[in-house]
């Protein structure tokens, strides 16, 4: 059986610039067993011009001991 790390996949989802014409857009991600989300911004020539740190999205079923200072949650998500 593969470990969770070995099961990891990398997916890219392109969002066109006009999707942000009103300032922001929505992206739905299934957390499953846990996921990382990282924003990467490319210009029209496909050159990377910006990126963010990976955001760790925990599975709602994990019983992990996350240090209090690192906890952030939103109700009803």
PDB file of N, CA and C in Angstrom:
ATOM      1  N   UNK A   1       0.829  -1.175   0.000  1.00  0.00           N
ATOM      2  CA  UNK A   1       0.000   0.000   0.000  1.00  0.00           C
ATOM      3  C   UNK A   1       0.882   1.248   0.000  1.00  0.00           C
ATOM      4  N   UNK A   2       0.497   2.248  -0.810  1.00  0.00           N
ATOM      5  CA  UNK A   2       1.274   3.478  -0.915  1.00  0.00           C
ATOM      6  C   UNK A   2       1.013   4.397   0.278  1.00  0.00           C
ATOM      7  N   UNK A   3       2.070   5.083   0.702  1.00  0.00           N
ATOM      8  CA  UNK A   3       1.890   6.068   1.771  1.00  0.00           C
ATOM      9  C   UNK A   3       1.138   7.269   1.210  1.00  0.00           C
ATOM     10  N   UNK A   4       0.668   8.133   2.108  1.00  0.00           N
ATOM     11  CA  UNK A   4      -0.047   9.328   1.654  1.00  0.00           C
ATOM     12  C   UNK A   4       0.851  10.201   0.793  1.00  0.00           C
ATOM     13  N   UNK A   5       2.140  10.280   1.135  1.00  0.00           N
ATOM     14  CA  UNK A   5       3.064  11.078   0.342  1.00  0.00           C
ATOM     15  C   UNK A   5       3.200  10.501  -1.057  1.00  0.00           C
ATOM     16  N   UNK A   6       3.290   9.185  -1.154  1.00  0.00           N
ATOM     17  CA  UNK A   6       3.436   8.543  -2.458  1.00  0.00           C
ATOM     18  C   UNK A   6       2.177   8.676  -3.305  1.00  0.00           C
ATOM     19  N   UNK A   7       1.036   8.886  -2.681  1.00  0.00           N
ATOM     20  CA  UNK A   7      -0.214   9.041  -3.402  1.00  0.00           C
ATOM     21  C   UNK A   7      -0.422  10.476  -3.902  1.00  0.00           C
ATOM     22  N   UNK A   8       0.436  11.381  -3.482  1.00  0.00           N
ATOM     23  CA  UNK A   8       0.267  12.789  -3.817  1.00  0.00           C
ATOM     24  C   UNK A   8       0.305  13.017  -5.318  1.00  0.00           C
ATOM     25  N   UNK A   9      -0.508  13.915  -5.764  1.00  0.00           N
ATOM     26  CA  UNK A   9      -0.527  14.308  -7.168  1.00  0.00           C
ATOM     27  C   UNK A   9      -0.388  15.810  -7.257  1.00  0.00           C
ATOM     28  N   UNK A  10       0.034  16.257  -8.407  1.00  0.00           N
ATOM     29  CA  UNK A  10       0.188  17.687  -8.646  1.00  0.00           C
ATOM     30  C   UNK A  10      -0.770  18.066  -9.769  1.00  0.00           C
ATOM     31  N   UNK A  11      -1.655  18.981  -9.479  1.00  0.00           N
ATOM     32  CA  UNK A  11      -2.618  19.439 -10.467  1.00  0.00           C
ATOM     33  C   UNK A  11      -2.492  20.937 -10.637  1.00  0.00           C
ATOM     34  N   UNK A  12      -2.615  21.387 -11.875  1.00  0.00           N
ATOM     35  CA  UNK A  12      -2.632  22.819 -12.159  1.00  0.00           C
ATOM     36  C   UNK A  12      -4.000  23.176 -12.706  1.00  0.00           C
ATOM     37  N   UNK A  13      -4.518  24.296 -12.233  1.00  0.00           N
ATOM     38  CA  UNK A  13      -5.809  24.787 -12.687  1.00  0.00           C
ATOM     39  C   UNK A  13      -5.621  26.227 -13.146  1.00  0.00           C
ATOM     40  N   UNK A  14      -5.716  26.425 -14.444  1.00  0.00           N
ATOM     41  CA  UNK A  14      -5.551  27.768 -14.999  1.00  0.00           C
ATOM     42  C   UNK A  14      -6.820  28.582 -14.773  1.00  0.00           C
ATOM     43  N   UNK A  15      -6.631  29.812 -14.342  1.00  0.00           N
ATOM     44  CA  UNK A  15      -7.736  30.754 -14.170  1.00  0.00           C
ATOM     45  C   UNK A  15      -7.375  31.987 -15.002  1.00  0.00           C
ATOM     46  N   UNK A  16      -8.177  32.315 -16.005  1.00  0.00           N
ATOM     47  CA  UNK A  16      -7.837  33.456 -16.864  1.00  0.00           C
ATOM     48  C   UNK A  16      -7.912  34.781 -16.108  1.00  0.00           C
ATOM     49  N   UNK A  17      -7.115  35.752 -16.538  1.00  0.00           N
ATOM     50  CA  UNK A  17      -7.051  37.049 -15.859  1.00  0.00           C
ATOM     51  C   UNK A  17      -8.417  37.715 -15.759  1.00  0.00           C
ATOM     52  N   UNK A  18      -9.266  37.555 -16.764  1.00  0.00           N
ATOM     53  CA  UNK A  18     -10.570  38.230 -16.712  1.00  0.00           C
ATOM     54  C   UNK A  18     -11.492  37.658 -15.631  1.00  0.00           C
ATOM     55  N   UNK A  19     -11.138  36.498 -15.062  1.00  0.00           N
ATOM     56  CA  UNK A  19     -11.910  35.950 -13.946  1.00  0.00           C
ATOM     57  C   UNK A  19     -11.769  36.832 -12.706  1.00  0.00           C
ATOM     58  N   UNK A  20     -10.752  37.703 -12.704  1.00  0.00           N
ATOM     59  CA  UNK A  20     -10.501  38.600 -11.577  1.00  0.00           C
ATOM     60  C   UNK A  20     -10.965  40.028 -11.870  1.00  0.00           C
ATOM     61  N   UNK A  21     -11.796  40.194 -12.875  1.00  0.00           N
ATOM     62  CA  UNK A  21     -12.215  41.538 -13.275  1.00  0.00           C
ATOM     63  C   UNK A  21     -12.962  42.291 -12.165  1.00  0.00           C
ATOM     64  N   UNK A  22     -13.539  41.573 -11.224  1.00  0.00           N
ATOM     65  CA  UNK A  22     -14.224  42.208 -10.095  1.00  0.00           C
ATOM     66  C   UNK A  22     -13.398  42.117  -8.814  1.00  0.00           C
ATOM     67  N   UNK A  23     -12.128  41.780  -8.921  1.00  0.00           N
ATOM     68  CA  UNK A  23     -11.226  41.786  -7.778  1.00  0.00           C
ATOM     69  C   UNK A  23     -10.821  40.428  -7.252  1.00  0.00           C
ATOM     70  N   UNK A  24     -11.721  39.450  -7.266  1.00  0.00           N
ATOM     71  CA  UNK A  24     -11.369  38.114  -6.776  1.00  0.00           C
ATOM     72  C   UNK A  24     -12.193  37.082  -7.534  1.00  0.00           C
ATOM     73  N   UNK A  25     -11.842  35.844  -7.345  1.00  0.00           N
ATOM     74  CA  UNK A  25     -12.568  34.753  -7.974  1.00  0.00           C
ATOM     75  C   UNK A  25     -12.659  33.607  -6.974  1.00  0.00           C
ATOM     76  N   UNK A  26     -13.417  32.584  -7.306  1.00  0.00           N
ATOM     77  CA  UNK A  26     -13.618  31.448  -6.414  1.00  0.00           C
ATOM     78  C   UNK A  26     -13.004  30.196  -7.017  1.00  0.00           C
ATOM     79  N   UNK A  27     -12.373  29.403  -6.167  1.00  0.00           N
ATOM     80  CA  UNK A  27     -11.791  28.123  -6.588  1.00  0.00           C
ATOM     81  C   UNK A  27     -12.182  27.090  -5.543  1.00  0.00           C
ATOM     82  N   UNK A  28     -12.736  25.966  -5.979  1.00  0.00           N
ATOM     83  CA  UNK A  28     -13.145  24.910  -5.063  1.00  0.00           C
ATOM     84  C   UNK A  28     -12.121  23.790  -5.080  1.00  0.00           C
ATOM     85  N   UNK A  29     -11.699  23.367  -3.907  1.00  0.00           N
ATOM     86  CA  UNK A  29     -10.710  22.307  -3.771  1.00  0.00           C
ATOM     87  C   UNK A  29     -11.212  21.290  -2.757  1.00  0.00           C
ATOM     88  N   UNK A  30     -11.269  20.049  -3.153  1.00  0.00           N
ATOM     89  CA  UNK A  30     -11.623  18.981  -2.215  1.00  0.00           C
ATOM     90  C   UNK A  30     -10.382  18.652  -1.391  1.00  0.00           C
ATOM     91  N   UNK A  31     -10.498  18.730  -0.079  1.00  0.00           N
ATOM     92  CA  UNK A  31      -9.342  18.476   0.789  1.00  0.00           C
ATOM     93  C   UNK A  31      -8.974  17.009   0.852  1.00  0.00           C
ATOM     94  N   UNK A  32      -9.933  16.103   0.705  1.00  0.00           N
ATOM     95  CA  UNK A  32      -9.654  14.673   0.751  1.00  0.00           C
ATOM     96  C   UNK A  32      -8.864  14.302   1.990  1.00  0.00           C
ATOM     97  N   UNK A  33      -7.717  13.680   1.813  1.00  0.00           N
ATOM     98  CA  UNK A  33      -6.858  13.275   2.931  1.00  0.00           C
ATOM     99  C   UNK A  33      -5.938  14.402   3.384  1.00  0.00           C
ATOM    100  N   UNK A  34      -6.137  15.565   2.814  1.00  0.00           N
ATOM    101  CA  UNK A  34      -5.279  16.712   3.095  1.00  0.00           C
ATOM    102  C   UNK A  34      -4.649  17.176   1.800  1.00  0.00           C
ATOM    103  N   UNK A  35      -4.473  18.451   1.653  1.00  0.00           N
ATOM    104  CA  UNK A  35      -3.941  19.015   0.409  1.00  0.00           C
ATOM    105  C   UNK A  35      -3.081  20.225   0.720  1.00  0.00           C
ATOM    106  N   UNK A  36      -2.267  20.582  -0.244  1.00  0.00           N
ATOM    107  CA  UNK A  36      -1.543  21.844  -0.228  1.00  0.00           C
ATOM    108  C   UNK A  36      -2.047  22.659  -1.402  1.00  0.00           C
ATOM    109  N   UNK A  37      -2.186  23.938  -1.197  1.00  0.00           N
ATOM    110  CA  UNK A  37      -2.596  24.845  -2.255  1.00  0.00           C
ATOM    111  C   UNK A  37      -1.542  25.926  -2.371  1.00  0.00           C
ATOM    112  N   UNK A  38      -1.056  26.135  -3.586  1.00  0.00           N
ATOM    113  CA  UNK A  38      -0.039  27.161  -3.808  1.00  0.00           C
ATOM    114  C   UNK A  38      -0.428  27.956  -5.040  1.00  0.00           C
ATOM    115  N   UNK A  39      -0.465  29.253  -4.902  1.00  0.00           N
ATOM    116  CA  UNK A  39      -0.799  30.138  -5.997  1.00  0.00           C
ATOM    117  C   UNK A  39       0.458  30.465  -6.784  1.00  0.00           C
ATOM    118  N   UNK A  40       0.379  30.324  -8.098  1.00  0.00           N
ATOM    119  CA  UNK A  40       1.452  30.731  -8.999  1.00  0.00           C
ATOM    120  C   UNK A  40       0.843  31.633 -10.058  1.00  0.00           C
ATOM    121  N   UNK A  41       1.504  32.737 -10.368  1.00  0.00           N
ATOM    122  CA  UNK A  41       0.995  33.695 -11.335  1.00  0.00           C
ATOM    123  C   UNK A  41       1.948  33.748 -12.524  1.00  0.00           C
ATOM    124  N   UNK A  42       1.381  33.577 -13.711  1.00  0.00           N
ATOM    125  CA  UNK A  42       2.140  33.612 -14.958  1.00  0.00           C
ATOM    126  C   UNK A  42       1.635  34.749 -15.826  1.00  0.00           C
ATOM    127  N   UNK A  43       2.541  35.362 -16.591  1.00  0.00           N
ATOM    128  CA  UNK A  43       2.104  36.403 -17.511  1.00  0.00           C
ATOM    129  C   UNK A  43       1.690  35.780 -18.846  1.00  0.00           C
ATOM    130  N   UNK A  44       1.379  36.625 -19.830  1.00  0.00           N
ATOM    131  CA  UNK A  44       0.880  36.152 -21.128  1.00  0.00           C
ATOM    132  C   UNK A  44       1.896  35.300 -21.883  1.00  0.00           C
ATOM    133  N   UNK A  45       3.188  35.412 -21.532  1.00  0.00           N
ATOM    134  CA  UNK A  45       4.218  34.605 -22.206  1.00  0.00           C
ATOM    135  C   UNK A  45       4.539  33.339 -21.421  1.00  0.00           C
ATOM    136  N   UNK A  46       3.726  33.045 -20.395  1.00  0.00           N
ATOM    137  CA  UNK A  46       3.895  31.865 -19.539  1.00  0.00           C
ATOM    138  C   UNK A  46       5.159  31.935 -18.668  1.00  0.00           C
ATOM    139  N   UNK A  47       5.575  33.155 -18.360  1.00  0.00           N
ATOM    140  CA  UNK A  47       6.701  33.378 -17.453  1.00  0.00           C
ATOM    141  C   UNK A  47       6.155  33.532 -16.035  1.00  0.00           C
ATOM    142  N   UNK A  48       6.721  32.791 -15.100  1.00  0.00           N
ATOM    143  CA  UNK A  48       6.314  32.882 -13.702  1.00  0.00           C
ATOM    144  C   UNK A  48       6.686  34.258 -13.167  1.00  0.00           C
ATOM    145  N   UNK A  49       5.686  35.002 -12.683  1.00  0.00           N
ATOM    146  CA  UNK A  49       5.948  36.352 -12.173  1.00  0.00           C
ATOM    147  C   UNK A  49       5.605  36.512 -10.688  1.00  0.00           C
ATOM    148  N   UNK A  50       5.001  35.477 -10.088  1.00  0.00           N
ATOM    149  CA  UNK A  50       4.690  35.547  -8.667  1.00  0.00           C
ATOM    150  C   UNK A  50       4.194  34.219  -8.142  1.00  0.00           C
ATOM    151  N   UNK A  51       4.375  33.995  -6.842  1.00  0.00           N
ATOM    152  CA  UNK A  51       3.892  32.765  -6.224  1.00  0.00           C
ATOM    153  C   UNK A  51       3.747  32.980  -4.729  1.00  0.00           C
ATOM    154  N   UNK A  52       2.946  32.135  -4.110  1.00  0.00           N
ATOM    155  CA  UNK A  52       2.736  32.208  -2.671  1.00  0.00           C
ATOM    156  C   UNK A  52       3.270  30.972  -1.985  1.00  0.00           C
ATOM    157  N   UNK A  53       3.357  31.042  -0.680  1.00  0.00           N
ATOM    158  CA  UNK A  53       3.753  29.874   0.100  1.00  0.00           C
ATOM    159  C   UNK A  53       2.634  28.837   0.072  1.00  0.00           C
ATOM    160  N   UNK A  54       2.976  27.562   0.117  1.00  0.00           N
ATOM    161  CA  UNK A  54       1.933  26.531   0.144  1.00  0.00           C
ATOM    162  C   UNK A  54       1.057  26.665   1.391  1.00  0.00           C
ATOM    163  N   UNK A  55      -0.228  26.496   1.199  1.00  0.00           N
ATOM    164  CA  UNK A  55      -1.196  26.517   2.288  1.00  0.00           C
ATOM    165  C   UNK A  55      -1.626  25.076   2.540  1.00  0.00           C
ATOM    166  N   UNK A  56      -1.452  24.614   3.765  1.00  0.00           N
ATOM    167  CA  UNK A  56      -1.775  23.232   4.140  1.00  0.00           C
ATOM    168  C   UNK A  56      -3.244  23.162   4.516  1.00  0.00           C
ATOM    169  N   UNK A  57      -4.027  22.409   3.765  1.00  0.00           N
ATOM    170  CA  UNK A  57      -5.447  22.215   4.031  1.00  0.00           C
ATOM    171  C   UNK A  57      -5.627  20.814   4.572  1.00  0.00           C
ATOM    172  N   UNK A  58      -5.861  20.715   5.856  1.00  0.00           N
ATOM    173  CA  UNK A  58      -5.962  19.417   6.511  1.00  0.00           C
ATOM    174  C   UNK A  58      -7.273  18.721   6.181  1.00  0.00           C
ATOM    175  N   UNK A  59      -7.232  17.432   6.226  1.00  0.00           N
ATOM    176  CA  UNK A  59      -8.456  16.648   6.115  1.00  0.00           C
ATOM    177  C   UNK A  59      -9.329  16.948   7.325  1.00  0.00           C
ATOM    178  N   UNK A  60     -10.631  17.063   7.123  1.00  0.00           N
ATOM    179  CA  UNK A  60     -11.500  17.289   8.279  1.00  0.00           C
ATOM    180  C   UNK A  60     -11.580  16.069   9.194  1.00  0.00           C
ATOM    181  N   UNK A  61     -11.005  14.948   8.768  1.00  0.00           N
ATOM    182  CA  UNK A  61     -11.078  13.708   9.535  1.00  0.00           C
ATOM    183  C   UNK A  61      -9.796  13.406  10.313  1.00  0.00           C
ATOM    184  N   UNK A  62      -8.722  14.167  10.060  1.00  0.00           N
ATOM    185  CA  UNK A  62      -7.459  13.928  10.774  1.00  0.00           C
ATOM    186  C   UNK A  62      -7.562  14.349  12.227  1.00  0.00           C
ATOM    187  N   UNK A  63      -6.878  13.632  13.065  1.00  0.00           N
ATOM    188  CA  UNK A  63      -6.800  13.953  14.493  1.00  0.00           C
ATOM    189  C   UNK A  63      -5.367  14.365  14.804  1.00  0.00           C
ATOM    190  N   UNK A  64      -4.897  15.419  14.154  1.00  0.00           N
ATOM    191  CA  UNK A  64      -3.532  15.892  14.334  1.00  0.00           C
ATOM    192  C   UNK A  64      -3.465  16.911  15.462  1.00  0.00           C
ATOM    193  N   UNK A  65      -2.344  16.947  16.142  1.00  0.00           N
ATOM    194  CA  UNK A  65      -2.122  17.926  17.197  1.00  0.00           C
ATOM    195  C   UNK A  65      -1.391  19.116  16.581  1.00  0.00           C
ATOM    196  N   UNK A  66      -2.165  20.101  16.139  1.00  0.00           N
ATOM    197  CA  UNK A  66      -1.601  21.293  15.518  1.00  0.00           C
ATOM    198  C   UNK A  66      -1.333  22.324  16.621  1.00  0.00           C
ATOM    199  N   UNK A  67      -0.118  22.896  16.672  1.00  0.00           N
ATOM    200  CA  UNK A  67       0.157  23.920  17.686  1.00  0.00           C
ATOM    201  C   UNK A  67      -0.862  25.061  17.592  1.00  0.00           C
ATOM    202  N   UNK A  68      -1.302  25.546  18.731  1.00  0.00           N
ATOM    203  CA  UNK A  68      -2.353  26.563  18.777  1.00  0.00           C
ATOM    204  C   UNK A  68      -2.016  27.777  17.900  1.00  0.00           C
ATOM    205  N   UNK A  69      -0.775  28.209  17.904  1.00  0.00           N
ATOM    206  CA  UNK A  69      -0.372  29.392  17.136  1.00  0.00           C
ATOM    207  C   UNK A  69      -0.509  29.179  15.629  1.00  0.00           C
ATOM    208  N   UNK A  70      -0.587  27.930  15.189  1.00  0.00           N
ATOM    209  CA  UNK A  70      -0.703  27.641  13.761  1.00  0.00           C
ATOM    210  C   UNK A  70      -2.125  27.300  13.338  1.00  0.00           C
ATOM    211  N   UNK A  71      -3.045  27.325  14.263  1.00  0.00           N
ATOM    212  CA  UNK A  71      -4.429  26.965  13.955  1.00  0.00           C
ATOM    213  C   UNK A  71      -5.177  28.148  13.359  1.00  0.00           C
ATOM    214  N   UNK A  72      -5.911  27.863  12.322  1.00  0.00           N
ATOM    215  CA  UNK A  72      -6.792  28.843  11.707  1.00  0.00           C
ATOM    216  C   UNK A  72      -7.950  28.055  11.125  1.00  0.00           C
ATOM    217  N   UNK A  73      -9.134  28.426  11.457  1.00  0.00           N
ATOM    218  CA  UNK A  73     -10.274  27.711  10.912  1.00  0.00           C
ATOM    219  C   UNK A  73     -11.394  28.694  10.632  1.00  0.00           C
ATOM    220  N   UNK A  74     -12.251  28.321   9.729  1.00  0.00           N
ATOM    221  CA  UNK A  74     -13.411  29.113   9.369  1.00  0.00           C
ATOM    222  C   UNK A  74     -14.642  28.284   9.641  1.00  0.00           C
ATOM    223  N   UNK A  75     -15.610  28.826  10.324  1.00  0.00           N
ATOM    224  CA  UNK A  75     -16.833  28.069  10.589  1.00  0.00           C
ATOM    225  C   UNK A  75     -17.583  27.783   9.298  1.00  0.00           C
ATOM    226  N   UNK A  76     -18.265  26.656   9.279  1.00  0.00           N
ATOM    227  CA  UNK A  76     -19.137  26.276   8.168  1.00  0.00           C
ATOM    228  C   UNK A  76     -18.413  26.023   6.856  1.00  0.00           C
ATOM    229  N   UNK A  77     -17.159  25.632   6.886  1.00  0.00           N
ATOM    230  CA  UNK A  77     -16.454  25.284   5.655  1.00  0.00           C
ATOM    231  C   UNK A  77     -16.352  23.795   5.528  1.00  0.00           C
TER     232      UNK A  77
END
